[in-house]
Amino acid sequence: MKKMFAILCFALALMPMQSVADEDVLTLDWIDLIPEHERNAFDSYGMPMPESHDGDAAKQSTVGGVRPELNGSKVKIPGFVIPLEGDANTVTEFLLVPYFGACIHVPPPPPNQIIYVRYKEGAPIQQLWDVIYLIGELKTEQVSHELAEVAYVIEGTAIEEYDDM
């Protein structure tokens, strides 16, 4: 009986918590976080085009601005999680990045390609190893973290399983 209860609790934790209707949520790709007039400076993965290959250690590019018109929008965006705060069961603060290994392998993406996430309820750790959809309110807010400079923040309200359809 305890095992069945634990499985039920885990399944409920994986269910998305919808705070707004789906039609009110703007689904974004990472390129959408880059101002349109700057997109030609980025490759198809949202990474700045290299300016030199001099062999020095690569540093985070600060190329690129934010899209202030997205500030306050309810958004849904896919990404990978880099845990920052939490406990053995849940993560309450993390970086959302466009590709696996970003910020762990140098250099990190530019600030407008990293989102600092605050998820008060705590996301179950088991749910965060693969790509996810994050839903929440997007803010154009700069955060300086030891891993990288960040240009966007999301107050997370739901996490959904990623589907590439």
N, C-alpha and C. Protein backbone atom coordinates (compact mmCIF):
# COMPACT_ATOMS: atom_id res chain seq x y z
N MET A 1 0.81 -1.19 0.00
CA MET A 1 0.00 0.00 0.00
C MET A 1 0.86 1.26 0.00
N LYS A 2 1.94 1.26 0.82
CA LYS A 2 2.84 2.42 0.85
C LYS A 2 3.49 2.63 -0.50
N LYS A 3 3.85 1.54 -1.17
CA LYS A 3 4.49 1.63 -2.48
C LYS A 3 3.53 2.26 -3.49
N MET A 4 2.27 1.84 -3.45
CA MET A 4 1.27 2.39 -4.37
C MET A 4 1.07 3.88 -4.10
N PHE A 5 1.04 4.28 -2.82
CA PHE A 5 0.90 5.69 -2.46
C PHE A 5 2.08 6.49 -2.98
N ALA A 6 3.30 5.95 -2.83
CA ALA A 6 4.50 6.64 -3.31
C ALA A 6 4.46 6.82 -4.82
N ILE A 7 4.01 5.81 -5.55
CA ILE A 7 3.92 5.89 -7.02
C ILE A 7 2.88 6.94 -7.40
N LEU A 8 1.75 6.96 -6.70
CA LEU A 8 0.71 7.95 -6.98
C LEU A 8 1.23 9.37 -6.72
N CYS A 9 1.94 9.56 -5.61
CA CYS A 9 2.49 10.88 -5.31
C CYS A 9 3.49 11.32 -6.37
N PHE A 10 4.32 10.39 -6.83
CA PHE A 10 5.31 10.71 -7.86
C PHE A 10 4.60 11.08 -9.16
N ALA A 11 3.56 10.33 -9.52
CA ALA A 11 2.82 10.63 -10.75
C ALA A 11 2.15 11.99 -10.66
N LEU A 12 1.58 12.32 -9.51
CA LEU A 12 0.96 13.62 -9.34
C LEU A 12 1.98 14.75 -9.43
N ALA A 13 3.19 14.51 -8.92
CA ALA A 13 4.24 15.53 -8.98
C ALA A 13 4.65 15.81 -10.42
N LEU A 14 4.53 14.80 -11.28
CA LEU A 14 4.92 14.98 -12.68
C LEU A 14 3.85 15.69 -13.50
N MET A 15 2.63 15.76 -12.98
CA MET A 15 1.56 16.41 -13.73
C MET A 15 1.79 17.91 -13.75
N PRO A 16 1.64 18.55 -14.91
CA PRO A 16 1.83 20.00 -14.95
C PRO A 16 0.74 20.72 -14.19
N MET A 17 1.13 21.81 -13.56
CA MET A 17 0.17 22.65 -12.87
C MET A 17 -0.14 23.83 -13.78
N GLN A 18 -1.29 23.87 -14.38
CA GLN A 18 -1.64 24.93 -15.30
C GLN A 18 -2.24 26.10 -14.55
N SER A 19 -1.54 27.22 -14.53
CA SER A 19 -2.06 28.41 -13.86
C SER A 19 -2.77 29.33 -14.84
N VAL A 20 -2.53 29.13 -16.12
CA VAL A 20 -3.19 29.93 -17.15
C VAL A 20 -3.62 29.00 -18.27
N ALA A 21 -4.59 29.40 -19.04
CA ALA A 21 -5.06 28.60 -20.16
C ALA A 21 -3.95 28.48 -21.20
N ASP A 22 -3.92 27.33 -21.90
CA ASP A 22 -2.88 27.09 -22.91
C ASP A 22 -2.83 28.20 -23.96
N GLU A 23 -3.98 28.75 -24.33
CA GLU A 23 -3.98 29.78 -25.37
C GLU A 23 -3.38 31.10 -24.88
N ASP A 24 -3.21 31.25 -23.57
CA ASP A 24 -2.59 32.46 -23.02
C ASP A 24 -1.08 32.35 -22.89
N VAL A 25 -0.53 31.18 -23.21
CA VAL A 25 0.89 30.94 -23.05
C VAL A 25 1.57 31.05 -24.42
N LEU A 26 2.61 31.85 -24.49
CA LEU A 26 3.38 32.05 -25.71
C LEU A 26 4.49 31.00 -25.77
N THR A 27 4.46 30.12 -26.77
CA THR A 27 5.49 29.10 -26.92
C THR A 27 6.67 29.71 -27.68
N LEU A 28 7.84 29.64 -27.05
CA LEU A 28 9.04 30.25 -27.62
C LEU A 28 10.09 29.21 -27.99
N ASP A 29 10.90 29.54 -28.97
CA ASP A 29 12.15 28.85 -29.24
C ASP A 29 13.26 29.78 -28.76
N TRP A 30 14.47 29.28 -28.60
CA TRP A 30 15.56 30.09 -28.07
C TRP A 30 15.88 31.29 -28.95
N ILE A 31 15.74 31.13 -30.25
CA ILE A 31 16.02 32.25 -31.16
C ILE A 31 15.06 33.41 -30.91
N ASP A 32 13.87 33.11 -30.37
CA ASP A 32 12.88 34.15 -30.09
C ASP A 32 13.32 35.09 -28.98
N LEU A 33 14.30 34.70 -28.19
CA LEU A 33 14.80 35.56 -27.11
C LEU A 33 15.80 36.60 -27.61
N ILE A 34 16.22 36.46 -28.85
CA ILE A 34 17.19 37.38 -29.46
C ILE A 34 16.42 38.42 -30.27
N PRO A 35 16.72 39.71 -30.07
CA PRO A 35 16.06 40.74 -30.89
C PRO A 35 16.26 40.44 -32.38
N GLU A 36 15.23 40.63 -33.16
CA GLU A 36 15.26 40.25 -34.57
C GLU A 36 16.43 40.89 -35.33
N HIS A 37 16.74 42.14 -35.04
CA HIS A 37 17.81 42.83 -35.77
C HIS A 37 19.20 42.29 -35.41
N GLU A 38 19.30 41.44 -34.38
CA GLU A 38 20.59 40.86 -33.99
C GLU A 38 20.74 39.39 -34.39
N ARG A 39 19.70 38.80 -34.92
CA ARG A 39 19.71 37.35 -35.17
C ARG A 39 20.74 36.91 -36.20
N ASN A 40 21.14 37.76 -37.10
CA ASN A 40 22.14 37.36 -38.10
C ASN A 40 23.52 37.17 -37.49
N ALA A 41 23.74 37.64 -36.26
CA ALA A 41 25.02 37.45 -35.58
C ALA A 41 25.08 36.09 -34.87
N PHE A 42 23.97 35.33 -34.90
CA PHE A 42 23.90 34.05 -34.21
C PHE A 42 23.72 32.92 -35.20
N ASP A 43 24.24 31.74 -34.84
CA ASP A 43 24.01 30.58 -35.69
C ASP A 43 22.64 29.98 -35.38
N SER A 44 22.30 28.87 -36.00
CA SER A 44 20.97 28.29 -35.83
C SER A 44 20.71 27.75 -34.43
N TYR A 45 21.74 27.62 -33.60
CA TYR A 45 21.57 27.15 -32.23
C TYR A 45 21.49 28.30 -31.24
N GLY A 46 21.48 29.54 -31.72
CA GLY A 46 21.41 30.69 -30.83
C GLY A 46 22.75 31.05 -30.24
N MET A 47 23.82 30.56 -30.82
CA MET A 47 25.17 30.86 -30.33
C MET A 47 25.79 31.92 -31.22
N PRO A 48 26.55 32.86 -30.64
CA PRO A 48 27.18 33.89 -31.46
C PRO A 48 28.20 33.27 -32.40
N MET A 49 28.29 33.84 -33.57
CA MET A 49 29.27 33.37 -34.55
C MET A 49 30.67 33.73 -34.03
N PRO A 50 31.63 32.81 -34.12
CA PRO A 50 32.98 33.10 -33.60
C PRO A 50 33.65 34.22 -34.38
N GLU A 51 34.34 35.09 -33.63
CA GLU A 51 35.03 36.19 -34.27
C GLU A 51 36.50 35.89 -34.48
N SER A 52 37.07 35.00 -33.64
CA SER A 52 38.46 34.63 -33.83
C SER A 52 38.68 33.22 -33.30
N HIS A 53 39.77 32.65 -33.73
CA HIS A 53 40.17 31.32 -33.29
C HIS A 53 41.61 31.39 -32.82
N ASP A 54 41.89 32.30 -31.89
CA ASP A 54 43.27 32.54 -31.48
C ASP A 54 43.79 31.54 -30.45
N GLY A 55 42.97 30.59 -30.02
CA GLY A 55 43.44 29.57 -29.10
C GLY A 55 43.31 29.93 -27.63
N ASP A 56 42.95 31.17 -27.30
CA ASP A 56 42.76 31.53 -25.90
C ASP A 56 41.50 30.85 -25.36
N ALA A 57 41.44 30.70 -24.04
CA ALA A 57 40.26 30.12 -23.41
C ALA A 57 39.04 30.95 -23.76
N ALA A 58 38.00 30.27 -24.18
CA ALA A 58 36.78 30.97 -24.58
C ALA A 58 36.04 31.50 -23.36
N LYS A 59 35.52 32.71 -23.49
CA LYS A 59 34.74 33.35 -22.43
C LYS A 59 33.32 33.52 -22.93
N GLN A 60 32.41 33.71 -21.99
CA GLN A 60 31.02 33.93 -22.35
C GLN A 60 30.91 35.19 -23.20
N SER A 61 30.23 35.06 -24.32
CA SER A 61 29.98 36.22 -25.18
C SER A 61 28.89 37.07 -24.55
N THR A 62 29.08 38.36 -24.60
CA THR A 62 28.04 39.27 -24.12
C THR A 62 27.29 39.90 -25.29
N VAL A 63 27.47 39.34 -26.48
CA VAL A 63 26.77 39.82 -27.67
C VAL A 63 25.28 39.55 -27.50
N GLY A 64 24.49 40.52 -27.84
CA GLY A 64 23.06 40.30 -27.89
C GLY A 64 22.29 40.98 -26.77
N GLY A 65 21.17 41.55 -27.16
CA GLY A 65 20.29 42.19 -26.21
C GLY A 65 19.11 41.30 -25.87
N VAL A 66 18.16 41.87 -25.17
CA VAL A 66 16.94 41.16 -24.81
C VAL A 66 15.78 41.75 -25.59
N ARG A 67 14.65 41.09 -25.51
CA ARG A 67 13.43 41.59 -26.14
C ARG A 67 12.51 42.11 -25.05
N PRO A 68 12.56 43.43 -24.76
CA PRO A 68 11.77 43.98 -23.67
C PRO A 68 10.27 43.77 -23.82
N GLU A 69 9.79 43.60 -25.05
CA GLU A 69 8.36 43.39 -25.26
C GLU A 69 7.88 42.04 -24.73
N LEU A 70 8.82 41.12 -24.43
CA LEU A 70 8.46 39.83 -23.84
C LEU A 70 8.33 39.91 -22.32
N ASN A 71 8.79 40.99 -21.73
CA ASN A 71 8.76 41.15 -20.27
C ASN A 71 7.33 41.02 -19.74
N GLY A 72 7.14 40.11 -18.79
CA GLY A 72 5.82 39.89 -18.20
C GLY A 72 4.97 38.88 -18.93
N SER A 73 5.46 38.33 -20.05
CA SER A 73 4.70 37.35 -20.82
C SER A 73 4.69 35.99 -20.13
N LYS A 74 3.56 35.29 -20.27
CA LYS A 74 3.48 33.89 -19.86
C LYS A 74 4.02 33.08 -21.02
N VAL A 75 5.10 32.32 -20.77
CA VAL A 75 5.78 31.62 -21.86
C VAL A 75 5.97 30.14 -21.55
N LYS A 76 6.24 29.40 -22.62
CA LYS A 76 6.59 27.99 -22.55
C LYS A 76 7.81 27.83 -23.45
N ILE A 77 8.90 27.29 -22.89
CA ILE A 77 10.13 27.16 -23.65
C ILE A 77 10.82 25.85 -23.29
N PRO A 78 11.36 25.14 -24.30
CA PRO A 78 12.07 23.90 -23.99
C PRO A 78 13.51 24.21 -23.57
N GLY A 79 14.09 23.32 -22.79
CA GLY A 79 15.49 23.51 -22.42
C GLY A 79 15.99 22.45 -21.48
N PHE A 80 17.25 22.57 -21.15
CA PHE A 80 17.93 21.67 -20.23
C PHE A 80 18.18 22.39 -18.92
N VAL A 81 18.15 21.65 -17.83
CA VAL A 81 18.25 22.22 -16.48
C VAL A 81 19.66 22.05 -15.93
N ILE A 82 20.17 23.14 -15.35
CA ILE A 82 21.40 23.10 -14.55
C ILE A 82 20.99 23.51 -13.14
N PRO A 83 20.86 22.53 -12.22
CA PRO A 83 20.38 22.82 -10.86
C PRO A 83 21.32 23.77 -10.11
N LEU A 84 20.71 24.69 -9.35
CA LEU A 84 21.48 25.64 -8.53
C LEU A 84 21.11 25.53 -7.05
N GLU A 85 19.81 25.47 -6.74
CA GLU A 85 19.33 25.43 -5.35
C GLU A 85 18.29 24.34 -5.21
N GLY A 86 18.23 23.74 -4.04
CA GLY A 86 17.23 22.73 -3.75
C GLY A 86 17.76 21.74 -2.75
N ASP A 87 17.12 20.57 -2.73
CA ASP A 87 17.55 19.51 -1.82
C ASP A 87 17.67 18.21 -2.60
N ALA A 88 17.70 17.10 -1.90
CA ALA A 88 17.89 15.80 -2.56
C ALA A 88 16.69 15.40 -3.42
N ASN A 89 15.53 16.02 -3.20
CA ASN A 89 14.32 15.63 -3.92
C ASN A 89 13.82 16.65 -4.93
N THR A 90 14.07 17.92 -4.68
CA THR A 90 13.53 18.96 -5.56
C THR A 90 14.56 20.05 -5.83
N VAL A 91 14.34 20.74 -6.93
CA VAL A 91 15.18 21.87 -7.32
C VAL A 91 14.29 23.12 -7.34
N THR A 92 14.72 24.17 -6.64
CA THR A 92 13.91 25.38 -6.55
C THR A 92 14.46 26.53 -7.40
N GLU A 93 15.75 26.48 -7.73
CA GLU A 93 16.35 27.47 -8.62
C GLU A 93 17.30 26.74 -9.56
N PHE A 94 17.24 27.12 -10.84
CA PHE A 94 18.10 26.47 -11.82
C PHE A 94 18.28 27.37 -13.03
N LEU A 95 19.26 27.05 -13.84
CA LEU A 95 19.44 27.70 -15.13
C LEU A 95 18.78 26.82 -16.18
N LEU A 96 18.05 27.43 -17.08
CA LEU A 96 17.50 26.73 -18.24
C LEU A 96 18.35 27.16 -19.43
N VAL A 97 18.87 26.17 -20.16
CA VAL A 97 19.78 26.45 -21.27
C VAL A 97 19.31 25.70 -22.51
N PRO A 98 19.73 26.16 -23.69
CA PRO A 98 19.21 25.59 -24.94
C PRO A 98 19.78 24.25 -25.36
N TYR A 99 20.91 23.83 -24.79
CA TYR A 99 21.49 22.55 -25.19
C TYR A 99 22.17 21.90 -24.00
N PHE A 100 22.29 20.58 -24.07
CA PHE A 100 22.87 19.81 -22.99
C PHE A 100 24.33 20.20 -22.76
N GLY A 101 24.70 20.43 -21.52
CA GLY A 101 26.07 20.74 -21.17
C GLY A 101 26.42 22.22 -21.17
N ALA A 102 25.48 23.08 -21.57
CA ALA A 102 25.75 24.52 -21.57
C ALA A 102 26.07 24.96 -20.15
N CYS A 103 27.01 25.85 -20.00
CA CYS A 103 27.48 26.42 -18.72
C CYS A 103 28.39 25.46 -17.96
N ILE A 104 28.34 24.19 -18.27
CA ILE A 104 29.24 23.24 -17.62
C ILE A 104 30.49 23.12 -18.48
N HIS A 105 30.29 23.06 -19.77
CA HIS A 105 31.40 23.06 -20.72
C HIS A 105 31.56 24.51 -21.18
N VAL A 106 32.77 25.00 -21.21
CA VAL A 106 32.98 26.41 -21.56
C VAL A 106 32.95 26.59 -23.06
N PRO A 107 32.60 27.74 -23.58
CA PRO A 107 32.02 28.86 -22.85
C PRO A 107 30.51 28.70 -22.71
N PRO A 108 29.90 29.39 -21.74
CA PRO A 108 28.44 29.36 -21.66
C PRO A 108 27.83 30.15 -22.81
N PRO A 109 26.57 29.89 -23.09
CA PRO A 109 25.89 30.69 -24.11
C PRO A 109 25.85 32.16 -23.68
N PRO A 110 25.54 33.06 -24.60
CA PRO A 110 25.41 34.48 -24.23
C PRO A 110 24.26 34.66 -23.24
N PRO A 111 24.25 35.78 -22.51
CA PRO A 111 23.21 36.00 -21.49
C PRO A 111 21.78 35.88 -21.99
N ASN A 112 21.51 36.26 -23.25
CA ASN A 112 20.14 36.17 -23.75
C ASN A 112 19.76 34.76 -24.19
N GLN A 113 20.64 33.79 -23.94
CA GLN A 113 20.37 32.39 -24.23
C GLN A 113 20.45 31.53 -22.97
N ILE A 114 20.31 32.17 -21.81
CA ILE A 114 20.26 31.49 -20.51
C ILE A 114 19.13 32.12 -19.72
N ILE A 115 18.33 31.28 -19.08
CA ILE A 115 17.22 31.78 -18.25
C ILE A 115 17.44 31.30 -16.82
N TYR A 116 17.40 32.25 -15.89
CA TYR A 116 17.46 31.91 -14.47
C TYR A 116 16.03 31.62 -14.02
N VAL A 117 15.81 30.44 -13.44
CA VAL A 117 14.46 30.01 -13.08
C VAL A 117 14.32 29.93 -11.57
N ARG A 118 13.24 30.53 -11.08
CA ARG A 118 12.84 30.37 -9.68
C ARG A 118 11.56 29.55 -9.70
N TYR A 119 11.59 28.40 -9.05
CA TYR A 119 10.46 27.48 -9.06
C TYR A 119 10.12 27.16 -7.61
N LYS A 120 9.28 28.00 -6.99
CA LYS A 120 9.01 27.95 -5.56
C LYS A 120 8.56 26.58 -5.07
N GLU A 121 7.68 25.91 -5.82
CA GLU A 121 7.16 24.61 -5.38
C GLU A 121 8.24 23.54 -5.39
N GLY A 122 9.28 23.74 -6.15
CA GLY A 122 10.33 22.75 -6.28
C GLY A 122 9.97 21.72 -7.33
N ALA A 123 10.84 21.55 -8.29
CA ALA A 123 10.64 20.57 -9.36
C ALA A 123 11.28 19.25 -8.93
N PRO A 124 10.56 18.13 -9.12
CA PRO A 124 11.15 16.83 -8.78
C PRO A 124 12.41 16.58 -9.59
N ILE A 125 13.46 16.18 -8.92
CA ILE A 125 14.74 15.98 -9.58
C ILE A 125 14.65 14.99 -10.73
N GLN A 126 13.87 13.92 -10.59
CA GLN A 126 13.76 12.89 -11.63
C GLN A 126 13.25 13.48 -12.93
N GLN A 127 12.54 14.57 -12.86
CA GLN A 127 11.93 15.17 -14.04
C GLN A 127 12.91 16.06 -14.82
N LEU A 128 14.09 16.28 -14.30
CA LEU A 128 14.96 17.31 -14.85
C LEU A 128 16.17 16.82 -15.63
N TRP A 129 16.30 15.53 -15.86
CA TRP A 129 17.50 15.04 -16.54
C TRP A 129 17.44 15.17 -18.05
N ASP A 130 16.25 15.17 -18.60
CA ASP A 130 16.08 15.32 -20.04
C ASP A 130 15.56 16.72 -20.36
N VAL A 131 15.42 17.00 -21.63
CA VAL A 131 14.86 18.29 -22.03
C VAL A 131 13.43 18.38 -21.49
N ILE A 132 13.06 19.56 -21.04
CA ILE A 132 11.72 19.80 -20.48
C ILE A 132 11.12 21.03 -21.13
N TYR A 133 9.82 21.21 -20.95
CA TYR A 133 9.19 22.49 -21.21
C TYR A 133 9.02 23.18 -19.88
N LEU A 134 9.42 24.43 -19.81
CA LEU A 134 9.20 25.24 -18.63
C LEU A 134 8.14 26.27 -18.96
N ILE A 135 7.19 26.44 -18.04
CA ILE A 135 6.12 27.42 -18.22
C ILE A 135 6.19 28.40 -17.05
N GLY A 136 6.07 29.68 -17.36
CA GLY A 136 6.09 30.67 -16.30
C GLY A 136 6.11 32.08 -16.87
N GLU A 137 6.30 33.03 -15.96
CA GLU A 137 6.34 34.44 -16.36
C GLU A 137 7.78 34.84 -16.65
N LEU A 138 8.01 35.31 -17.87
CA LEU A 138 9.34 35.73 -18.32
C LEU A 138 9.58 37.18 -17.94
N LYS A 139 10.78 37.44 -17.42
CA LYS A 139 11.18 38.81 -17.08
C LYS A 139 12.52 39.10 -17.72
N THR A 140 12.69 40.31 -18.22
CA THR A 140 13.98 40.74 -18.73
C THR A 140 14.73 41.31 -17.53
N GLU A 141 15.48 40.44 -16.89
CA GLU A 141 16.18 40.79 -15.65
C GLU A 141 17.57 40.17 -15.69
N GLN A 142 18.57 40.98 -15.41
CA GLN A 142 19.94 40.47 -15.41
C GLN A 142 20.27 39.83 -14.07
N VAL A 143 20.92 38.66 -14.16
CA VAL A 143 21.39 37.95 -12.97
C VAL A 143 22.85 37.58 -13.23
N SER A 144 23.68 37.87 -12.25
CA SER A 144 25.09 37.51 -12.35
C SER A 144 25.31 36.30 -11.44
N HIS A 145 25.70 35.19 -12.05
CA HIS A 145 25.95 33.96 -11.30
C HIS A 145 27.37 33.51 -11.62
N GLU A 146 27.97 32.73 -10.73
CA GLU A 146 29.34 32.29 -10.95
C GLU A 146 29.49 31.46 -12.22
N LEU A 147 28.41 30.81 -12.67
CA LEU A 147 28.48 30.02 -13.90
C LEU A 147 28.36 30.88 -15.16
N ALA A 148 27.56 31.95 -15.07
CA ALA A 148 27.33 32.77 -16.26
C ALA A 148 26.51 34.01 -15.93
N GLU A 149 26.57 34.97 -16.84
CA GLU A 149 25.69 36.13 -16.79
C GLU A 149 24.38 35.72 -17.48
N VAL A 150 23.26 36.18 -16.94
CA VAL A 150 21.95 35.78 -17.43
C VAL A 150 21.13 37.04 -17.72
N ALA A 151 20.34 37.01 -18.81
CA ALA A 151 19.57 38.18 -19.20
C ALA A 151 18.06 38.02 -19.00
N TYR A 152 17.60 36.79 -18.74
CA TYR A 152 16.17 36.55 -18.54
C TYR A 152 15.96 35.75 -17.25
N VAL A 153 14.80 35.97 -16.63
CA VAL A 153 14.38 35.22 -15.44
C VAL A 153 12.96 34.73 -15.70
N ILE A 154 12.68 33.51 -15.24
CA ILE A 154 11.30 33.00 -15.29
C ILE A 154 10.90 32.59 -13.88
N GLU A 155 9.73 33.06 -13.47
CA GLU A 155 9.08 32.57 -12.26
C GLU A 155 8.27 31.37 -12.73
N GLY A 156 8.81 30.17 -12.49
CA GLY A 156 8.20 28.96 -13.01
C GLY A 156 6.88 28.59 -12.35
N THR A 157 5.92 28.17 -13.17
CA THR A 157 4.63 27.71 -12.64
C THR A 157 4.35 26.26 -13.01
N ALA A 158 5.01 25.72 -14.04
CA ALA A 158 4.78 24.33 -14.45
C ALA A 158 5.97 23.82 -15.24
N ILE A 159 6.14 22.52 -15.17
CA ILE A 159 7.12 21.82 -16.00
C ILE A 159 6.38 20.71 -16.71
N GLU A 160 6.60 20.59 -18.01
CA GLU A 160 5.94 19.55 -18.80
C GLU A 160 6.99 18.70 -19.50
N GLU A 161 6.59 17.50 -19.79
CA GLU A 161 7.44 16.61 -20.57
C GLU A 161 7.60 17.19 -21.97
N TYR A 162 8.80 17.12 -22.50
CA TYR A 162 9.08 17.66 -23.83
C TYR A 162 8.57 16.72 -24.90
N ASP A 163 7.92 17.27 -25.89
CA ASP A 163 7.59 16.53 -27.10
C ASP A 163 8.01 17.39 -28.27
N ASP A 164 8.64 16.80 -29.25
CA ASP A 164 9.18 17.59 -30.36
C ASP A 164 8.22 17.68 -31.53
N MET A 165 6.96 17.50 -31.27
CA MET A 165 5.97 17.58 -32.33
C MET A 165 5.56 19.01 -32.58
